[in-house]
Amino acid sequence: MYLRLKDQGRVAELLKVISCMPSLPVANFLNSKQKKNDESPIAADTETTTHPPNVTAETLNQSAQTNSTAVSPNNKKPFALIPPINFDANSILTTGAPYTDTPASTMRKVISKRLTESRQTVPHFYTSIKVELDNIAAFRKQLQALIGVKVSVNDIVIRAVALALQDVPRANSSWIDGTAKPNNSIDVSVAVATPSGLITPIVFDANKKGLATISTDIRALAKKARDGKLQPHEFQGGTVSVSNLGMFGVSEFSAVINPPQACILAVGSGVPGFKLDDTMPKQITTMTSRLSADRRVVDEPTAAAFLQAYAHYIANPNLLVL
């Protein structure tokens, strides 16, 4: 049976539909004729009518089946819905080992409340700097050999932080009652891990104390913290915090600010590496220190100035004894 359409408008619509189906023989015919017409020099106002070859219903059915097979080889819908999977929590494999839920201690609850408040209300931003530790190692040996004073890298970091805050006092500020208030003293809170949680005893007036005094104070405060004998005035307050995980092999991390303080410095471990020295490779040890700062108090240039001053003291440890 042949398709016969007398209405000119319907014929035009049918030809447009057929030309969009490349698999039909008549489509190839129309496309070739259209290409020839485009290349023909006949004027634009000249109308020519081209009649496609006869197309039977059987040809249309065969072409439709060919297109369906090409889209989906298995004659399945390409976007069939995935059936839901029933989840059974009891099907999860476990070791079956016994466990006990331990209620949070009072200190853990206080820490949780303060840190949650800090993350929710304090706009943290972070800046990092790498400092070389090779001069620090030589400096520590020199102190022990000459005057018998043994100091740790953490002692040196605290002293360097205090002097850097002295050079960049804007970083030694607190956010209180919607205002950035500078602090008159430089009191460094030092994070100490205890069985009941993290606590931060304070080294008061750290910029006015020598390395030996700072080392003695930290040892005494850390022991009292682990024994649970710290007095409230020994851990409440402070103008800046230092958290050092280098002794645990952590290369770098980000610490949470302890409000109303505006800054906390996270100190990582020493990492070996190389640098070019007069076009020759030289082995060095670097330490990454990352400053978390309250953007309401400290802006990016201030944070950069503080880290530069801090790195300068670490790279030149002889300045720490002045």
Protein backbone atom coordinates (compact mmCIF):
# COMPACT_ATOMS: atom_id res chain seq x y z
CA MET A 1 0.00 0.00 0.00
CA TYR A 2 1.43 3.34 -1.02
CA LEU A 3 1.09 6.55 1.01
CA ARG A 4 -0.89 9.18 -0.91
CA LEU A 5 -1.30 12.66 0.59
CA LYS A 6 -3.02 15.27 -1.53
CA ASP A 7 -2.83 18.12 0.91
CA GLN A 8 0.33 20.15 0.11
CA GLY A 9 0.72 21.41 3.70
CA ARG A 10 0.61 17.91 5.18
CA VAL A 11 3.12 16.69 2.59
CA ALA A 12 5.55 19.42 3.62
CA GLU A 13 5.20 18.49 7.30
CA LEU A 14 5.70 14.81 6.52
CA LEU A 15 8.84 15.54 4.52
CA LYS A 16 10.30 17.56 7.42
CA VAL A 17 9.70 14.66 9.81
CA ILE A 18 11.16 12.11 7.41
CA SER A 19 14.27 14.24 6.81
CA CYS A 20 15.04 14.07 10.56
CA MET A 21 15.21 10.26 10.44
CA PRO A 22 18.56 9.39 8.81
CA SER A 23 17.82 5.65 8.74
CA LEU A 24 14.94 6.05 6.26
CA PRO A 25 15.92 5.70 2.58
CA VAL A 26 13.80 8.69 1.68
CA ALA A 27 15.71 10.83 4.17
CA ASN A 28 18.98 10.17 2.34
CA PHE A 29 17.24 11.09 -0.88
CA LEU A 30 15.89 14.36 0.53
CA ASN A 31 19.22 15.33 2.03
CA SER A 32 21.06 14.72 -1.23
CA LYS A 33 18.49 16.71 -3.16
CA GLN A 34 18.65 19.54 -0.62
CA LYS A 35 22.45 19.63 -0.97
CA LYS A 36 22.16 19.83 -4.74
CA ASN A 37 19.55 22.57 -4.48
CA ASP A 38 21.84 24.56 -2.14
CA GLU A 39 24.66 24.31 -4.68
CA SER A 40 22.41 25.13 -7.64
CA PRO A 41 22.62 28.64 -9.14
CA ILE A 42 18.84 28.85 -9.45
CA ALA A 43 17.45 32.12 -8.10
CA ALA A 44 16.01 32.13 -4.61
CA ASP A 45 12.52 33.01 -5.83
CA THR A 46 12.39 29.95 -8.13
CA GLU A 47 10.24 27.21 -6.64
CA THR A 48 10.95 23.58 -7.50
CA THR A 49 8.99 20.59 -6.27
CA THR A 50 10.74 17.29 -5.72
CA HIS A 51 8.67 14.18 -5.12
CA PRO A 52 10.31 11.54 -2.95
CA PRO A 53 10.20 7.91 -4.00
CA ASN A 54 7.26 5.85 -2.97
CA VAL A 55 7.42 4.82 0.70
CA THR A 56 5.39 1.86 1.87
CA ALA A 57 4.11 1.22 5.38
CA GLU A 58 6.28 -1.89 5.51
CA THR A 59 9.41 0.27 4.89
CA LEU A 60 8.45 2.63 7.70
CA ASN A 61 7.93 -0.27 10.13
CA GLN A 62 11.30 -1.83 9.26
CA SER A 63 13.08 1.53 9.75
CA ALA A 64 11.39 2.07 13.13
CA GLN A 65 12.52 -1.37 14.31
CA THR A 66 16.10 -0.62 13.14
CA ASN A 67 16.16 2.66 15.11
CA SER A 68 14.83 0.97 18.25
CA THR A 69 17.51 -1.72 18.06
CA ALA A 70 20.26 0.86 17.55
CA VAL A 71 19.23 2.83 20.66
CA SER A 72 18.94 -0.19 22.94
CA PRO A 73 20.48 -3.49 21.84
CA ASN A 74 18.46 -5.42 24.42
CA ASN A 75 15.22 -3.61 23.52
CA LYS A 76 15.11 -2.20 27.07
CA LYS A 77 14.22 1.34 28.05
CA PRO A 78 17.45 3.37 28.44
CA PHE A 79 16.18 5.08 31.62
CA ALA A 80 14.43 2.25 33.39
CA LEU A 81 13.87 2.86 37.11
CA ILE A 82 16.23 1.04 39.46
CA PRO A 83 14.23 -1.02 41.92
CA PRO A 84 14.66 0.02 45.58
CA ILE A 85 16.95 -2.05 47.77
CA ASN A 86 15.68 -3.07 51.16
CA PHE A 87 18.34 -2.23 53.78
CA ASP A 88 18.61 -4.33 56.88
CA ALA A 89 20.88 -2.90 59.58
CA ASN A 90 21.27 -6.35 61.12
CA SER A 91 22.94 -7.56 57.93
CA ILE A 92 26.07 -5.47 58.60
CA LEU A 93 28.97 -7.65 59.66
CA THR A 94 30.44 -6.77 63.06
CA THR A 95 33.11 -8.30 65.26
CA GLY A 96 30.66 -8.87 68.04
CA ALA A 97 33.16 -7.49 70.54
CA PRO A 98 31.62 -6.09 73.72
CA TYR A 99 31.67 -2.36 74.31
CA THR A 100 30.58 0.11 76.95
CA ASP A 101 29.16 3.60 76.45
CA THR A 102 31.09 6.05 78.62
CA PRO A 103 29.20 9.21 79.62
CA ALA A 104 31.01 12.46 78.84
CA SER A 105 32.79 14.00 81.78
CA THR A 106 32.16 17.57 82.87
CA MET A 107 35.38 18.70 81.16
CA ARG A 108 34.43 16.91 77.92
CA LYS A 109 31.05 18.62 77.93
CA VAL A 110 32.64 22.03 78.46
CA ILE A 111 35.16 21.38 75.67
CA SER A 112 32.40 20.21 73.33
CA LYS A 113 30.26 23.25 74.05
CA ARG A 114 33.09 25.77 73.61
CA LEU A 115 34.49 24.23 70.43
CA THR A 116 31.05 23.91 68.86
CA GLU A 117 30.36 27.54 69.71
CA SER A 118 33.73 28.53 68.23
CA ARG A 119 33.14 26.74 64.93
CA GLN A 120 29.61 28.12 64.63
CA THR A 121 30.23 31.74 65.58
CA VAL A 122 33.91 32.53 64.89
CA PRO A 123 34.86 33.16 61.22
CA HIS A 124 38.04 31.09 61.00
CA PHE A 125 40.62 31.58 58.28
CA TYR A 126 43.98 29.87 57.94
CA THR A 127 47.52 30.82 56.91
CA SER A 128 50.53 28.51 56.91
CA ILE A 129 54.28 28.90 56.78
CA LYS A 130 57.21 26.49 56.59
CA VAL A 131 60.26 27.21 58.73
CA GLU A 132 63.65 25.50 58.77
CA LEU A 133 64.64 23.70 61.96
CA ASP A 134 68.34 23.10 61.30
CA ASN A 135 69.44 26.17 63.25
CA ILE A 136 67.12 25.16 66.10
CA ALA A 137 68.87 21.80 66.46
CA ALA A 138 72.30 23.43 66.62
CA PHE A 139 71.02 26.09 69.04
CA ARG A 140 69.62 23.50 71.47
CA LYS A 141 72.93 21.63 71.54
CA GLN A 142 74.78 24.88 72.12
CA LEU A 143 72.59 25.84 75.09
CA GLN A 144 73.01 22.47 76.71
CA ALA A 145 76.78 22.45 76.19
CA LEU A 146 77.46 26.01 77.38
CA ILE A 147 75.03 26.61 80.24
CA GLY A 148 73.50 23.19 80.83
CA VAL A 149 69.97 24.27 79.85
CA LYS A 150 67.86 21.71 78.02
CA VAL A 151 64.96 23.17 76.08
CA SER A 152 62.49 21.54 73.71
CA VAL A 153 61.32 22.68 70.31
CA ASN A 154 57.98 23.50 71.94
CA ASP A 155 59.69 25.86 74.39
CA ILE A 156 61.35 27.65 71.50
CA VAL A 157 58.05 27.87 69.59
CA ILE A 158 56.31 29.48 72.56
CA ARG A 159 59.08 32.03 73.00
CA ALA A 160 59.04 32.80 69.26
CA VAL A 161 55.25 33.23 69.30
CA ALA A 162 55.48 35.65 72.24
CA LEU A 163 58.11 37.80 70.55
CA ALA A 164 56.21 37.77 67.26
CA LEU A 165 53.08 38.99 69.06
CA GLN A 166 55.19 41.72 70.60
CA ASP A 167 56.19 42.80 67.09
CA VAL A 168 52.63 42.45 65.71
CA PRO A 169 50.38 43.49 68.63
CA ARG A 170 47.23 43.46 66.49
CA ALA A 171 47.35 39.66 66.54
CA ASN A 172 47.40 39.75 70.35
CA SER A 173 43.77 40.86 70.57
CA SER A 174 40.44 39.36 71.64
CA TRP A 175 36.86 39.65 70.39
CA ILE A 176 34.75 40.76 73.35
CA ASP A 177 31.21 42.18 73.22
CA GLY A 178 31.37 42.80 69.50
CA THR A 179 34.68 44.68 69.66
CA ALA A 180 38.30 43.78 68.96
CA LYS A 181 40.20 44.62 72.13
CA PRO A 182 44.02 44.57 72.29
CA ASN A 183 45.58 42.78 75.26
CA ASN A 184 48.18 44.50 77.41
CA SER A 185 50.04 41.27 78.25
CA ILE A 186 51.15 38.31 76.14
CA ASP A 187 49.89 35.15 77.85
CA VAL A 188 50.38 31.98 75.81
CA SER A 189 47.96 29.09 76.39
CA VAL A 190 49.67 25.76 75.71
CA ALA A 191 47.51 22.77 74.77
CA VAL A 192 48.18 19.73 76.99
CA ALA A 193 46.52 16.35 76.49
CA THR A 194 45.12 14.75 79.65
CA PRO A 195 43.05 11.59 80.21
CA SER A 196 39.94 13.70 80.74
CA GLY A 197 40.48 15.95 77.72
CA LEU A 198 42.54 18.78 76.27
CA ILE A 199 43.38 21.65 78.61
CA THR A 200 45.39 24.82 78.01
CA PRO A 201 47.52 26.00 80.97
CA ILE A 202 48.93 29.50 80.54
CA VAL A 203 52.48 30.80 80.42
CA PHE A 204 51.97 34.38 81.61
CA ASP A 205 54.10 37.22 80.22
CA ALA A 206 55.89 34.80 77.91
CA ASN A 207 57.58 37.66 76.06
CA LYS A 208 59.32 38.70 79.29
CA LYS A 209 60.55 35.23 80.22
CA GLY A 210 63.68 33.46 79.03
CA LEU A 211 63.74 30.01 77.49
CA ALA A 212 64.84 28.34 80.73
CA THR A 213 61.95 29.89 82.69
CA ILE A 214 59.43 29.02 79.97
CA SER A 215 60.68 25.43 79.90
CA THR A 216 60.36 25.14 83.70
CA ASP A 217 56.87 26.64 83.71
CA ILE A 218 55.60 24.34 80.97
CA ARG A 219 56.92 21.20 82.65
CA ALA A 220 55.28 22.16 85.95
CA LEU A 221 51.97 23.13 84.33
CA ALA A 222 51.83 19.97 82.19
CA LYS A 223 52.37 17.77 85.25
CA LYS A 224 49.66 19.57 87.22
CA ALA A 225 47.31 19.29 84.24
CA ARG A 226 47.79 15.52 83.94
CA ASP A 227 47.35 15.14 87.70
CA GLY A 228 44.19 17.24 87.63
CA LYS A 229 45.64 19.83 90.04
CA LEU A 230 45.47 22.98 87.92
CA GLN A 231 43.83 25.97 89.52
CA PRO A 232 41.20 27.88 87.45
CA HIS A 233 43.43 30.94 87.07
CA GLU A 234 46.13 28.71 85.57
CA PHE A 235 44.06 27.68 82.54
CA GLN A 236 41.31 30.31 82.21
CA GLY A 237 42.27 33.30 80.10
CA GLY A 238 45.29 33.64 77.85
CA THR A 239 45.66 35.87 74.81
CA VAL A 240 46.83 33.29 72.23
CA SER A 241 47.09 29.50 72.05
CA VAL A 242 49.69 27.06 70.75
CA SER A 243 48.90 23.44 69.90
CA ASN A 244 51.83 21.21 69.00
CA LEU A 245 51.30 17.71 67.58
CA GLY A 246 54.82 17.39 66.20
CA MET A 247 55.82 14.90 68.88
CA PHE A 248 53.09 12.58 67.57
CA GLY A 249 54.42 12.66 64.02
CA VAL A 250 51.65 14.90 62.66
CA SER A 251 53.15 17.00 59.87
CA GLU A 252 50.41 19.67 59.80
CA PHE A 253 46.88 20.32 61.00
CA SER A 254 44.33 23.08 61.67
CA ALA A 255 43.33 24.02 65.21
CA VAL A 256 40.07 25.51 66.49
CA ILE A 257 40.21 28.99 68.01
CA ASN A 258 39.63 29.27 71.76
CA PRO A 259 37.31 32.31 72.20
CA PRO A 260 37.65 35.14 73.07
CA GLN A 261 41.20 34.68 71.75
CA ALA A 262 41.70 35.60 68.11
CA CYS A 263 44.55 33.23 67.17
CA ILE A 264 45.83 29.71 67.71
CA LEU A 265 48.99 28.31 66.13
CA ALA A 266 49.04 24.64 65.10
CA VAL A 267 52.59 23.27 64.96
CA GLY A 268 53.55 20.12 63.09
CA SER A 269 56.56 17.82 63.12
CA GLY A 270 59.85 18.28 61.32
CA VAL A 271 59.86 16.92 57.78
CA PRO A 272 63.11 16.24 55.89
CA GLY A 273 63.55 17.80 52.47
CA PHE A 274 65.97 19.52 50.12
CA LYS A 275 66.64 23.04 48.90
CA LEU A 276 69.10 24.55 46.44
CA ASP A 277 72.12 26.19 48.06
CA ASP A 278 74.39 27.84 45.48
CA THR A 279 72.90 25.55 42.80
CA MET A 280 73.70 22.51 44.95
CA PRO A 281 71.01 20.49 46.76
CA LYS A 282 71.13 20.72 50.55
CA GLN A 283 69.21 18.52 52.96
CA ILE A 284 67.05 20.47 55.42
CA THR A 285 64.29 19.85 57.95
CA THR A 286 61.18 22.03 57.77
CA MET A 287 58.24 22.48 60.10
CA THR A 288 54.78 23.65 59.04
CA SER A 289 52.97 26.07 61.36
CA ARG A 290 49.36 26.99 60.57
CA LEU A 291 47.63 29.97 62.13
CA SER A 292 43.88 29.88 62.69
CA ALA A 293 42.66 33.45 63.11
CA ASP A 294 39.38 35.22 63.81
CA ARG A 295 38.68 37.35 60.72
CA ARG A 296 36.77 39.89 62.80
CA VAL A 297 39.99 40.74 64.66
CA VAL A 298 42.90 39.72 62.41
CA ASP A 299 43.00 40.30 58.67
CA GLU A 300 45.18 38.49 56.15
CA PRO A 301 48.08 41.02 56.10
CA THR A 302 48.24 40.93 59.92
CA ALA A 303 48.32 37.14 59.93
CA ALA A 304 51.08 37.16 57.30
CA ALA A 305 53.11 39.72 59.29
CA PHE A 306 52.82 37.61 62.44
CA LEU A 307 53.93 34.43 60.66
CA GLN A 308 56.87 36.23 59.06
CA ALA A 309 58.02 37.51 62.45
CA TYR A 310 57.54 34.05 63.98
CA ALA A 311 59.52 32.38 61.18
CA HIS A 312 62.30 34.97 61.57
CA TYR A 313 62.77 34.05 65.25
CA ILE A 314 62.69 30.32 64.49
CA ALA A 315 65.29 30.74 61.74
CA ASN A 316 67.46 32.89 64.05
CA PRO A 317 67.11 31.29 67.49
CA ASN A 318 69.92 33.37 68.96
CA LEU A 319 67.44 36.28 69.04
CA LEU A 320 65.32 34.31 71.52
CA VAL A 321 67.85 34.77 74.33
CA LEU A 322 67.90 38.56 74.06
